[in-house]
Amino acid sequence: MQTQRRLLIQSGMVGATLALAAGAGLLSPRAVLAAWPSQAFEARKLPAAMDALLGGDQPVDSTEVKVKAPDIAENGAVVSVTVTTTLPGVDSISIFVPVNAFPLTASYEVSDVTDGFVTGRIKMAKTADVIAVVKAGGKLYSARKRVKVTLGGCGG
């Protein structure tokens, strides 16, 4: 009985300390939030989003960039997308959907020691191309895949 009481008091003190630290802003991830490309994610047009994120809006189509996505997505709220590339010196891989209210759906910074591969789920408002843009060697390369959406995911 005494052990349970001590555990309860100890847990309460830890919880109160964490709540106090969070309330004071001591647990906020400032280093992570500092690198957030807010202008790119808030841009409403594709060229503006690309320019804010990648420093240019004219990627070159490349056979070395592949987009894997379903031909038909039954629900636009959950569309699985995989992007792979064999380009050397990949800096970042970004995924855009031009018809969404905010075209930039995902952006990944890639290390030199990793493969050019990302996968995730995105939202799509309606049928459109999913555009993958790879920044490698200071240049932009892209590929696209048309996805037919039968049920909207971005407010549709």
Protein backbone atom coordinates (compact mmCIF):
# COMPACT_ATOMS: atom_id res chain seq x y z
CA MET A 1 0.00 0.00 0.00
CA GLN A 2 2.82 2.38 0.94
CA THR A 3 4.61 1.68 -2.40
CA GLN A 4 1.50 2.52 -4.42
CA ARG A 5 1.09 5.78 -2.54
CA ARG A 6 4.71 6.76 -3.23
CA LEU A 7 4.29 5.91 -6.92
CA LEU A 8 1.14 8.01 -7.12
CA ILE A 9 2.82 11.01 -5.47
CA GLN A 10 5.96 10.61 -7.62
CA SER A 11 3.92 10.39 -10.84
CA GLY A 12 1.91 13.44 -9.85
CA MET A 13 5.06 15.46 -9.22
CA VAL A 14 6.59 14.43 -12.56
CA GLY A 15 3.37 15.31 -14.40
CA ALA A 16 3.14 18.69 -12.66
CA THR A 17 6.79 19.46 -13.47
CA LEU A 18 6.30 18.58 -17.15
CA ALA A 19 3.12 20.64 -17.35
CA LEU A 20 4.90 23.62 -15.78
CA ALA A 21 7.87 23.28 -18.16
CA ALA A 22 5.57 23.02 -21.18
CA GLY A 23 3.57 26.03 -20.04
CA ALA A 24 6.76 28.06 -19.68
CA GLY A 25 7.83 27.15 -23.21
CA LEU A 26 10.84 25.12 -22.09
CA LEU A 27 9.78 22.04 -24.05
CA SER A 28 9.07 23.68 -27.40
CA PRO A 29 11.14 22.32 -30.33
CA ARG A 30 12.65 25.63 -31.41
CA ALA A 31 15.46 24.11 -33.46
CA VAL A 32 12.99 22.12 -35.53
CA LEU A 33 10.54 24.97 -36.02
CA ALA A 34 13.27 27.39 -37.03
CA ALA A 35 13.84 25.54 -40.33
CA TRP A 36 10.16 25.40 -41.31
CA PRO A 37 9.74 26.80 -44.89
CA SER A 38 6.49 28.58 -44.09
CA GLN A 39 6.41 30.70 -47.28
CA ALA A 40 6.58 27.56 -49.42
CA PHE A 41 3.87 25.70 -47.51
CA GLU A 42 1.62 28.79 -47.44
CA ALA A 43 1.99 29.59 -51.16
CA ARG A 44 -1.25 29.14 -53.10
CA LYS A 45 0.27 28.77 -56.59
CA LEU A 46 2.69 26.06 -57.74
CA PRO A 47 5.41 28.37 -59.14
CA ALA A 48 5.45 30.45 -55.94
CA ALA A 49 5.72 27.33 -53.76
CA MET A 50 8.56 25.91 -55.85
CA ASP A 51 10.43 29.20 -55.91
CA ALA A 52 10.10 29.73 -52.15
CA LEU A 53 11.24 26.19 -51.35
CA LEU A 54 13.75 25.37 -54.07
CA GLY A 55 14.88 28.72 -55.45
CA GLY A 56 13.38 28.08 -58.89
CA ASP A 57 10.19 26.97 -60.56
CA GLN A 58 11.40 25.36 -63.81
CA PRO A 59 12.43 21.75 -63.12
CA VAL A 60 13.58 19.57 -66.01
CA ASP A 61 11.69 16.33 -66.68
CA SER A 62 13.92 13.37 -65.86
CA THR A 63 13.66 9.62 -66.34
CA GLU A 64 15.85 9.23 -63.25
CA VAL A 65 12.99 10.42 -61.02
CA LYS A 66 10.07 8.01 -60.53
CA VAL A 67 6.69 8.67 -58.90
CA LYS A 68 4.71 5.67 -57.71
CA ALA A 69 1.08 6.40 -56.86
CA PRO A 70 -2.24 4.67 -57.53
CA ASP A 71 -3.95 5.29 -60.87
CA ILE A 72 -7.23 5.73 -58.98
CA ALA A 73 -7.46 6.91 -55.37
CA GLU A 74 -10.78 6.05 -53.79
CA ASN A 75 -10.25 8.65 -51.09
CA GLY A 76 -8.27 11.83 -51.74
CA ALA A 77 -7.61 12.22 -48.02
CA VAL A 78 -5.15 9.31 -48.08
CA VAL A 79 -3.11 8.88 -51.25
CA SER A 80 0.07 6.82 -50.91
CA VAL A 81 3.01 8.26 -52.88
CA THR A 82 6.57 6.98 -53.27
CA VAL A 83 9.34 8.95 -54.99
CA THR A 84 12.64 7.37 -55.98
CA THR A 85 15.62 8.76 -57.83
CA THR A 86 18.97 7.50 -59.06
CA LEU A 87 20.41 10.99 -59.43
CA PRO A 88 23.70 11.58 -57.58
CA GLY A 89 24.03 14.29 -54.92
CA VAL A 90 20.35 14.58 -53.99
CA ASP A 91 19.68 17.50 -51.61
CA SER A 92 15.88 17.33 -51.34
CA ILE A 93 12.76 15.60 -52.61
CA SER A 94 9.48 17.53 -52.69
CA ILE A 95 5.94 16.54 -53.64
CA PHE A 96 3.45 18.99 -55.15
CA VAL A 97 -0.24 18.74 -56.11
CA PRO A 98 -1.10 21.86 -58.19
CA VAL A 99 -4.90 21.69 -57.65
CA ASN A 100 -4.68 21.69 -53.84
CA ALA A 101 -5.31 24.96 -52.00
CA PHE A 102 -1.64 24.76 -50.94
CA PRO A 103 0.30 22.86 -53.67
CA LEU A 104 3.31 21.83 -51.56
CA THR A 105 2.30 18.64 -49.75
CA ALA A 106 5.67 17.35 -48.53
CA SER A 107 9.36 18.19 -48.61
CA TYR A 108 12.28 16.08 -47.42
CA GLU A 109 15.93 17.03 -47.05
CA VAL A 110 18.06 14.04 -48.00
CA SER A 111 21.57 13.29 -46.77
CA ASP A 112 24.42 12.21 -49.05
CA VAL A 113 24.60 8.87 -47.25
CA THR A 114 20.96 7.93 -47.90
CA ASP A 115 19.19 6.61 -50.97
CA GLY A 116 16.98 8.95 -52.98
CA PHE A 117 13.76 7.42 -51.67
CA VAL A 118 10.77 8.84 -49.78
CA THR A 119 7.30 7.52 -49.20
CA GLY A 120 4.24 8.88 -47.46
CA ARG A 121 0.58 9.75 -47.69
CA ILE A 122 -0.74 13.00 -49.07
CA LYS A 123 -4.12 14.69 -49.51
CA MET A 124 -5.53 15.53 -52.92
CA ALA A 125 -8.50 17.80 -53.52
CA LYS A 126 -9.39 16.25 -56.88
CA THR A 127 -7.94 14.45 -59.89
CA ALA A 128 -4.54 15.90 -60.77
CA ASP A 129 -0.87 15.22 -61.39
CA VAL A 130 1.35 14.43 -58.43
CA ILE A 131 4.63 16.19 -59.18
CA ALA A 132 7.90 15.11 -57.57
CA VAL A 133 10.76 17.60 -57.71
CA VAL A 134 14.28 16.47 -56.84
CA LYS A 135 17.01 19.00 -56.16
CA ALA A 136 20.39 17.48 -56.99
CA GLY A 137 23.66 19.20 -57.77
CA GLY A 138 21.98 22.61 -57.64
CA LYS A 139 19.52 21.69 -60.42
CA LEU A 140 15.84 20.74 -60.32
CA TYR A 141 14.50 17.53 -61.86
CA SER A 142 10.90 16.33 -61.92
CA ALA A 143 8.50 13.56 -62.75
CA ARG A 144 4.73 13.39 -62.52
CA LYS A 145 1.97 10.83 -62.18
CA ARG A 146 -1.74 11.41 -62.88
CA VAL A 147 -3.99 10.25 -60.03
CA LYS A 148 -7.76 10.09 -60.45
CA VAL A 149 -9.50 10.93 -57.17
CA THR A 150 -13.05 9.63 -56.73
CA LEU A 151 -13.70 11.19 -53.30
CA GLY A 152 -12.10 14.56 -52.44
CA GLY A 153 -9.74 14.85 -49.48
CA CYS A 154 -9.00 18.56 -49.14
CA GLY A 155 -12.36 19.89 -48.09
CA GLY A 156 -14.17 18.06 -50.90
